[in-house]
Amino acid sequence: MIIINPDKAKAIWKDKWRAARKPLLASLDIEFMKAVESADTAKQTEIASKKQALRDVTQTEIAGNTPEEIKAVWPSVLN
């Protein structure tokens, strides 16, 4: 019988979120620098907000305890 440790499974799943957000943050970094170069403060604010949402993704609670319930949680900001 295999016993799943829900806390470890959730931590592993959140590591997958971190891996998924890495290229998104890198892309936003490029957009942000372009906005800085063009002095577009509205765009800078918009991008900063998106980046913060990506940073906050790991604060998302995962309510389930089974592997299926844990894997069912995928924050929309990572899509």
PDB file of N, CA and C in Angstrom:
ATOM      1  N   MET A   1       0.843  -1.189   0.000  1.00  0.00           N
ATOM      2  CA  MET A   1       0.000   0.000   0.000  1.00  0.00           C
ATOM      3  C   MET A   1       0.887   1.252   0.000  1.00  0.00           C
ATOM      4  N   ILE A   2       0.554   2.163  -0.853  1.00  0.00           N
ATOM      5  CA  ILE A   2       1.297   3.416  -0.938  1.00  0.00           C
ATOM      6  C   ILE A   2       0.547   4.485  -0.151  1.00  0.00           C
ATOM      7  N   ILE A   3       1.272   5.161   0.714  1.00  0.00           N
ATOM      8  CA  ILE A   3       0.684   6.234   1.505  1.00  0.00           C
ATOM      9  C   ILE A   3       1.267   7.558   1.005  1.00  0.00           C
ATOM     10  N   ILE A   4       0.382   8.474   0.675  1.00  0.00           N
ATOM     11  CA  ILE A   4       0.776   9.781   0.174  1.00  0.00           C
ATOM     12  C   ILE A   4       0.810  10.778   1.329  1.00  0.00           C
ATOM     13  N   ASN A   5       1.904  11.511   1.430  1.00  0.00           N
ATOM     14  CA  ASN A   5       1.998  12.591   2.404  1.00  0.00           C
ATOM     15  C   ASN A   5       1.449  13.846   1.717  1.00  0.00           C
ATOM     16  N   PRO A   6       0.246  14.286   2.106  1.00  0.00           N
ATOM     17  CA  PRO A   6      -0.383  15.422   1.420  1.00  0.00           C
ATOM     18  C   PRO A   6       0.458  16.701   1.461  1.00  0.00           C
ATOM     19  N   ASP A   7       1.129  16.959   2.568  1.00  0.00           N
ATOM     20  CA  ASP A   7       1.928  18.178   2.672  1.00  0.00           C
ATOM     21  C   ASP A   7       3.096  18.159   1.690  1.00  0.00           C
ATOM     22  N   LYS A   8       3.759  17.015   1.582  1.00  0.00           N
ATOM     23  CA  LYS A   8       4.866  16.901   0.628  1.00  0.00           C
ATOM     24  C   LYS A   8       4.352  16.969  -0.806  1.00  0.00           C
ATOM     25  N   ALA A   9       3.212  16.337  -1.060  1.00  0.00           N
ATOM     26  CA  ALA A   9       2.622  16.362  -2.404  1.00  0.00           C
ATOM     27  C   ALA A   9       2.259  17.797  -2.793  1.00  0.00           C
ATOM     28  N   LYS A  10       1.721  18.551  -1.861  1.00  0.00           N
ATOM     29  CA  LYS A  10       1.369  19.954  -2.134  1.00  0.00           C
ATOM     30  C   LYS A  10       2.629  20.779  -2.397  1.00  0.00           C
ATOM     31  N   ALA A  11       3.675  20.525  -1.649  1.00  0.00           N
ATOM     32  CA  ALA A  11       4.934  21.250  -1.849  1.00  0.00           C
ATOM     33  C   ALA A  11       5.522  20.932  -3.221  1.00  0.00           C
ATOM     34  N   ILE A  12       5.457  19.678  -3.625  1.00  0.00           N
ATOM     35  CA  ILE A  12       5.947  19.280  -4.949  1.00  0.00           C
ATOM     36  C   ILE A  12       5.110  19.953  -6.039  1.00  0.00           C
ATOM     37  N   TRP A  13       3.797  20.001  -5.843  1.00  0.00           N
ATOM     38  CA  TRP A  13       2.922  20.623  -6.833  1.00  0.00           C
ATOM     39  C   TRP A  13       3.212  22.121  -6.949  1.00  0.00           C
ATOM     40  N   LYS A  14       3.471  22.764  -5.817  1.00  0.00           N
ATOM     41  CA  LYS A  14       3.802  24.196  -5.846  1.00  0.00           C
ATOM     42  C   LYS A  14       5.158  24.429  -6.517  1.00  0.00           C
ATOM     43  N   ASP A  15       6.060  23.461  -6.431  1.00  0.00           N
ATOM     44  CA  ASP A  15       7.324  23.570  -7.165  1.00  0.00           C
ATOM     45  C   ASP A  15       7.061  23.553  -8.672  1.00  0.00           C
ATOM     46  N   LYS A  16       6.064  22.787  -9.085  1.00  0.00           N
ATOM     47  CA  LYS A  16       5.686  22.774 -10.504  1.00  0.00           C
ATOM     48  C   LYS A  16       5.130  24.136 -10.909  1.00  0.00           C
ATOM     49  N   TRP A  17       4.401  24.777 -10.009  1.00  0.00           N
ATOM     50  CA  TRP A  17       3.899  26.137 -10.276  1.00  0.00           C
ATOM     51  C   TRP A  17       5.075  27.092 -10.451  1.00  0.00           C
ATOM     52  N   ARG A  18       6.067  26.962  -9.577  1.00  0.00           N
ATOM     53  CA  ARG A  18       7.262  27.829  -9.672  1.00  0.00           C
ATOM     54  C   ARG A  18       7.956  27.657 -11.020  1.00  0.00           C
ATOM     55  N   ALA A  19       8.063  26.410 -11.461  1.00  0.00           N
ATOM     56  CA  ALA A  19       8.699  26.139 -12.754  1.00  0.00           C
ATOM     57  C   ALA A  19       7.875  26.734 -13.893  1.00  0.00           C
ATOM     58  N   ALA A  20       6.556  26.680 -13.781  1.00  0.00           N
ATOM     59  CA  ALA A  20       5.681  27.219 -14.823  1.00  0.00           C
ATOM     60  C   ALA A  20       5.721  28.746 -14.855  1.00  0.00           C
ATOM     61  N   ARG A  21       5.915  29.374 -13.718  1.00  0.00           N
ATOM     62  CA  ARG A  21       5.898  30.844 -13.681  1.00  0.00           C
ATOM     63  C   ARG A  21       7.240  31.458 -14.096  1.00  0.00           C
ATOM     64  N   LYS A  22       8.318  30.689 -14.027  1.00  0.00           N
ATOM     65  CA  LYS A  22       9.645  31.230 -14.331  1.00  0.00           C
ATOM     66  C   LYS A  22       9.719  31.873 -15.721  1.00  0.00           C
ATOM     67  N   PRO A  23       9.296  31.178 -16.790  1.00  0.00           N
ATOM     68  CA  PRO A  23       9.362  31.828 -18.103  1.00  0.00           C
ATOM     69  C   PRO A  23       8.394  33.005 -18.231  1.00  0.00           C
ATOM     70  N   LEU A  24       7.282  32.946 -17.507  1.00  0.00           N
ATOM     71  CA  LEU A  24       6.332  34.055 -17.543  1.00  0.00           C
ATOM     72  C   LEU A  24       6.945  35.308 -16.916  1.00  0.00           C
ATOM     73  N   LEU A  25       7.640  35.124 -15.801  1.00  0.00           N
ATOM     74  CA  LEU A  25       8.304  36.257 -15.156  1.00  0.00           C
ATOM     75  C   LEU A  25       9.417  36.814 -16.047  1.00  0.00           C
ATOM     76  N   ALA A  26      10.159  35.942 -16.694  1.00  0.00           N
ATOM     77  CA  ALA A  26      11.240  36.387 -17.577  1.00  0.00           C
ATOM     78  C   ALA A  26      10.682  37.224 -18.728  1.00  0.00           C
ATOM     79  N   SER A  27       9.576  36.790 -19.283  1.00  0.00           N
ATOM     80  CA  SER A  27       8.933  37.530 -20.366  1.00  0.00           C
ATOM     81  C   SER A  27       8.453  38.900 -19.886  1.00  0.00           C
ATOM     82  N   LEU A  28       7.881  38.921 -18.687  1.00  0.00           N
ATOM     83  CA  LEU A  28       7.409  40.191 -18.129  1.00  0.00           C
ATOM     84  C   LEU A  28       8.574  41.120 -17.799  1.00  0.00           C
ATOM     85  N   ASP A  29       9.707  40.555 -17.414  1.00  0.00           N
ATOM     86  CA  ASP A  29      10.901  41.383 -17.155  1.00  0.00           C
ATOM     87  C   ASP A  29      11.301  42.140 -18.425  1.00  0.00           C
ATOM     88  N   ILE A  30      11.249  41.458 -19.555  1.00  0.00           N
ATOM     89  CA  ILE A  30      11.594  42.091 -20.831  1.00  0.00           C
ATOM     90  C   ILE A  30      10.596  43.205 -21.154  1.00  0.00           C
ATOM     91  N   GLU A  31       9.297  42.896 -20.991  1.00  0.00           N
ATOM     92  CA  GLU A  31       8.266  43.904 -21.248  1.00  0.00           C
ATOM     93  C   GLU A  31       8.442  45.112 -20.329  1.00  0.00           C
ATOM     94  N   PHE A  32       8.798  44.843 -19.072  1.00  0.00           N
ATOM     95  CA  PHE A  32       8.970  45.928 -18.110  1.00  0.00           C
ATOM     96  C   PHE A  32      10.126  46.841 -18.528  1.00  0.00           C
ATOM     97  N   MET A  33      11.219  46.242 -18.945  1.00  0.00           N
ATOM     98  CA  MET A  33      12.369  47.047 -19.359  1.00  0.00           C
ATOM     99  C   MET A  33      12.034  47.895 -20.588  1.00  0.00           C
ATOM    100  N   LYS A  34      11.249  47.346 -21.499  1.00  0.00           N
ATOM    101  CA  LYS A  34      10.822  48.123 -22.663  1.00  0.00           C
ATOM    102  C   LYS A  34       9.955  49.304 -22.218  1.00  0.00           C
ATOM    103  N   ALA A  35       9.091  49.067 -21.230  1.00  0.00           N
ATOM    104  CA  ALA A  35       8.238  50.142 -20.710  1.00  0.00           C
ATOM    105  C   ALA A  35       9.075  51.204 -20.004  1.00  0.00           C
ATOM    106  N   VAL A  36      10.131  50.784 -19.313  1.00  0.00           N
ATOM    107  CA  VAL A  36      11.032  51.733 -18.665  1.00  0.00           C
ATOM    108  C   VAL A  36      11.735  52.591 -19.721  1.00  0.00           C
ATOM    109  N   GLU A  37      12.219  51.946 -20.763  1.00  0.00           N
ATOM    110  CA  GLU A  37      12.923  52.659 -21.826  1.00  0.00           C
ATOM    111  C   GLU A  37      12.033  53.688 -22.521  1.00  0.00           C
ATOM    112  N   SER A  38      10.746  53.358 -22.633  1.00  0.00           N
ATOM    113  CA  SER A  38       9.829  54.281 -23.300  1.00  0.00           C
ATOM    114  C   SER A  38       9.113  55.198 -22.303  1.00  0.00           C
ATOM    115  N   ALA A  39       9.489  55.103 -21.026  1.00  0.00           N
ATOM    116  CA  ALA A  39       8.908  55.928 -19.953  1.00  0.00           C
ATOM    117  C   ALA A  39       7.393  55.771 -19.857  1.00  0.00           C
ATOM    118  N   ASP A  40       6.897  54.570 -20.131  1.00  0.00           N
ATOM    119  CA  ASP A  40       5.464  54.271 -20.054  1.00  0.00           C
ATOM    120  C   ASP A  40       5.133  53.775 -18.642  1.00  0.00           C
ATOM    121  N   THR A  41       4.834  54.706 -17.761  1.00  0.00           N
ATOM    122  CA  THR A  41       4.605  54.340 -16.354  1.00  0.00           C
ATOM    123  C   THR A  41       3.329  53.525 -16.163  1.00  0.00           C
ATOM    124  N   ALA A  42       2.326  53.748 -17.001  1.00  0.00           N
ATOM    125  CA  ALA A  42       1.093  52.960 -16.892  1.00  0.00           C
ATOM    126  C   ALA A  42       1.380  51.491 -17.199  1.00  0.00           C
ATOM    127  N   LYS A  43       2.166  51.265 -18.236  1.00  0.00           N
ATOM    128  CA  LYS A  43       2.541  49.888 -18.605  1.00  0.00           C
ATOM    129  C   LYS A  43       3.418  49.267 -17.519  1.00  0.00           C
ATOM    130  N   GLN A  44       4.315  50.057 -16.943  1.00  0.00           N
ATOM    131  CA  GLN A  44       5.171  49.550 -15.854  1.00  0.00           C
ATOM    132  C   GLN A  44       4.315  49.087 -14.686  1.00  0.00           C
ATOM    133  N   THR A  45       3.321  49.873 -14.331  1.00  0.00           N
ATOM    134  CA  THR A  45       2.431  49.525 -13.220  1.00  0.00           C
ATOM    135  C   THR A  45       1.644  48.257 -13.528  1.00  0.00           C
ATOM    136  N   GLU A  46       1.156  48.150 -14.755  1.00  0.00           N
ATOM    137  CA  GLU A  46       0.399  46.970 -15.170  1.00  0.00           C
ATOM    138  C   GLU A  46       1.264  45.714 -15.089  1.00  0.00           C
ATOM    139  N   ILE A  47       2.477  45.807 -15.595  1.00  0.00           N
ATOM    140  CA  ILE A  47       3.389  44.657 -15.595  1.00  0.00           C
ATOM    141  C   ILE A  47       3.797  44.306 -14.174  1.00  0.00           C
ATOM    142  N   ALA A  48       4.053  45.302 -13.345  1.00  0.00           N
ATOM    143  CA  ALA A  48       4.423  45.052 -11.950  1.00  0.00           C
ATOM    144  C   ALA A  48       3.309  44.302 -11.227  1.00  0.00           C
ATOM    145  N   SER A  49       2.071  44.644 -11.537  1.00  0.00           N
ATOM    146  CA  SER A  49       0.926  43.958 -10.939  1.00  0.00           C
ATOM    147  C   SER A  49       0.870  42.497 -11.376  1.00  0.00           C
ATOM    148  N   LYS A  50       1.107  42.256 -12.656  1.00  0.00           N
ATOM    149  CA  LYS A  50       1.117  40.875 -13.166  1.00  0.00           C
ATOM    150  C   LYS A  50       2.240  40.062 -12.516  1.00  0.00           C
ATOM    151  N   LYS A  51       3.413  40.689 -12.383  1.00  0.00           N
ATOM    152  CA  LYS A  51       4.544  39.993 -11.765  1.00  0.00           C
ATOM    153  C   LYS A  51       4.245  39.658 -10.309  1.00  0.00           C
ATOM    154  N   GLN A  52       3.596  40.575  -9.598  1.00  0.00           N
ATOM    155  CA  GLN A  52       3.263  40.313  -8.196  1.00  0.00           C
ATOM    156  C   GLN A  52       2.269  39.173  -8.079  1.00  0.00           C
ATOM    157  N   ALA A  53       1.300  39.127  -8.992  1.00  0.00           N
ATOM    158  CA  ALA A  53       0.326  38.027  -8.992  1.00  0.00           C
ATOM    159  C   ALA A  53       1.038  36.689  -9.197  1.00  0.00           C
ATOM    160  N   LEU A  54       2.042  36.672 -10.053  1.00  0.00           N
ATOM    161  CA  LEU A  54       2.809  35.437 -10.260  1.00  0.00           C
ATOM    162  C   LEU A  54       3.618  35.074  -9.020  1.00  0.00           C
ATOM    163  N   ARG A  55       4.176  36.082  -8.355  1.00  0.00           N
ATOM    164  CA  ARG A  55       4.941  35.801  -7.128  1.00  0.00           C
ATOM    165  C   ARG A  55       4.023  35.256  -6.025  1.00  0.00           C
ATOM    166  N   ASP A  56       2.796  35.756  -5.982  1.00  0.00           N
ATOM    167  CA  ASP A  56       1.846  35.362  -4.937  1.00  0.00           C
ATOM    168  C   ASP A  56       1.201  34.003  -5.188  1.00  0.00           C
ATOM    169  N   VAL A  57       1.444  33.417  -6.353  1.00  0.00           N
ATOM    170  CA  VAL A  57       0.775  32.177  -6.727  1.00  0.00           C
ATOM    171  C   VAL A  57       1.019  31.060  -5.706  1.00  0.00           C
ATOM    172  N   THR A  58       2.179  31.019  -5.100  1.00  0.00           N
ATOM    173  CA  THR A  58       2.464  29.933  -4.157  1.00  0.00           C
ATOM    174  C   THR A  58       1.739  30.107  -2.825  1.00  0.00           C
ATOM    175  N   GLN A  59       1.055  31.236  -2.663  1.00  0.00           N
ATOM    176  CA  GLN A  59       0.238  31.433  -1.460  1.00  0.00           C
ATOM    177  C   GLN A  59      -1.153  30.818  -1.626  1.00  0.00           C
ATOM    178  N   THR A  60      -1.438  30.321  -2.825  1.00  0.00           N
ATOM    179  CA  THR A  60      -2.726  29.690  -3.111  1.00  0.00           C
ATOM    180  C   THR A  60      -2.876  28.431  -2.261  1.00  0.00           C
ATOM    181  N   GLU A  61      -4.003  28.321  -1.599  1.00  0.00           N
ATOM    182  CA  GLU A  61      -4.267  27.142  -0.768  1.00  0.00           C
ATOM    183  C   GLU A  61      -4.726  25.976  -1.635  1.00  0.00           C
ATOM    184  N   ILE A  62      -4.268  24.808  -1.296  1.00  0.00           N
ATOM    185  CA  ILE A  62      -4.711  23.576  -1.942  1.00  0.00           C
ATOM    186  C   ILE A  62      -5.524  22.821  -0.900  1.00  0.00           C
ATOM    187  N   ALA A  63      -6.835  22.761  -1.124  1.00  0.00           N
ATOM    188  CA  ALA A  63      -7.734  22.211  -0.114  1.00  0.00           C
ATOM    189  C   ALA A  63      -7.706  20.688  -0.041  1.00  0.00           C
ATOM    190  N   GLY A  64      -7.534  20.011  -1.156  1.00  0.00           N
ATOM    191  CA  GLY A  64      -7.614  18.560  -1.178  1.00  0.00           C
ATOM    192  C   GLY A  64      -6.412  17.872  -0.574  1.00  0.00           C
ATOM    193  N   ASN A  65      -6.549  16.574  -0.368  1.00  0.00           N
ATOM    194  CA  ASN A  65      -5.456  15.772   0.188  1.00  0.00           C
ATOM    195  C   ASN A  65      -5.089  14.568  -0.670  1.00  0.00           C
ATOM    196  N   THR A  66      -5.914  14.263  -1.675  1.00  0.00           N
ATOM    197  CA  THR A  66      -5.583  13.154  -2.557  1.00  0.00           C
ATOM    198  C   THR A  66      -4.769  13.701  -3.730  1.00  0.00           C
ATOM    199  N   PRO A  67      -3.996  12.856  -4.389  1.00  0.00           N
ATOM    200  CA  PRO A  67      -3.228  13.335  -5.547  1.00  0.00           C
ATOM    201  C   PRO A  67      -4.120  13.991  -6.617  1.00  0.00           C
ATOM    202  N   GLU A  68      -5.290  13.441  -6.838  1.00  0.00           N
ATOM    203  CA  GLU A  68      -6.198  13.993  -7.841  1.00  0.00           C
ATOM    204  C   GLU A  68      -6.686  15.376  -7.434  1.00  0.00           C
ATOM    205  N   GLU A  69      -7.027  15.554  -6.160  1.00  0.00           N
ATOM    206  CA  GLU A  69      -7.499  16.855  -5.670  1.00  0.00           C
ATOM    207  C   GLU A  69      -6.378  17.896  -5.729  1.00  0.00           C
ATOM    208  N   ILE A  70      -5.180  17.470  -5.398  1.00  0.00           N
ATOM    209  CA  ILE A  70      -4.036  18.394  -5.411  1.00  0.00           C
ATOM    210  C   ILE A  70      -3.744  18.831  -6.851  1.00  0.00           C
ATOM    211  N   LYS A  71      -3.715  17.876  -7.776  1.00  0.00           N
ATOM    212  CA  LYS A  71      -3.401  18.193  -9.170  1.00  0.00           C
ATOM    213  C   LYS A  71      -4.512  18.985  -9.845  1.00  0.00           C
ATOM    214  N   ALA A  72      -5.708  18.978  -9.279  1.00  0.00           N
ATOM    215  CA  ALA A  72      -6.843  19.721  -9.864  1.00  0.00           C
ATOM    216  C   ALA A  72      -6.681  21.223  -9.652  1.00  0.00           C
ATOM    217  N   VAL A  73      -5.811  21.625  -8.730  1.00  0.00           N
ATOM    218  CA  VAL A  73      -5.628  23.041  -8.445  1.00  0.00           C
ATOM    219  C   VAL A  73      -4.480  23.573  -9.296  1.00  0.00           C
ATOM    220  N   TRP A  74      -4.819  24.463 -10.227  1.00  0.00           N
ATOM    221  CA  TRP A  74      -3.826  25.121 -11.076  1.00  0.00           C
ATOM    222  C   TRP A  74      -4.248  26.583 -11.196  1.00  0.00           C
ATOM    223  N   PRO A  75      -3.496  27.482 -10.566  1.00  0.00           N
ATOM    224  CA  PRO A  75      -3.876  28.896 -10.586  1.00  0.00           C
ATOM    225  C   PRO A  75      -4.003  29.445 -12.011  1.00  0.00           C
ATOM    226  N   SER A  76      -5.069  30.186 -12.259  1.00  0.00           N
ATOM    227  CA  SER A  76      -5.333  30.710 -13.597  1.00  0.00           C
ATOM    228  C   SER A  76      -4.252  31.664 -14.086  1.00  0.00           C
ATOM    229  N   VAL A  77      -3.538  32.307 -13.163  1.00  0.00           N
ATOM    230  CA  VAL A  77      -2.486  33.239 -13.549  1.00  0.00           C
ATOM    231  C   VAL A  77      -1.339  32.529 -14.271  1.00  0.00           C
ATOM    232  N   LEU A  78      -1.250  31.217 -14.131  1.00  0.00           N
ATOM    233  CA  LEU A  78      -0.196  30.439 -14.800  1.00  0.00           C
ATOM    234  C   LEU A  78      -0.593  29.959 -16.184  1.00  0.00           C
ATOM    235  N   ASN A  79      -1.813  30.260 -16.607  1.00  0.00           N
ATOM    236  CA  ASN A  79      -2.275  29.822 -17.944  1.00  0.00           C
ATOM    237  C   ASN A  79      -1.751  30.715 -19.025  1.00  0.00           C
TER     238      ASN A  79
END
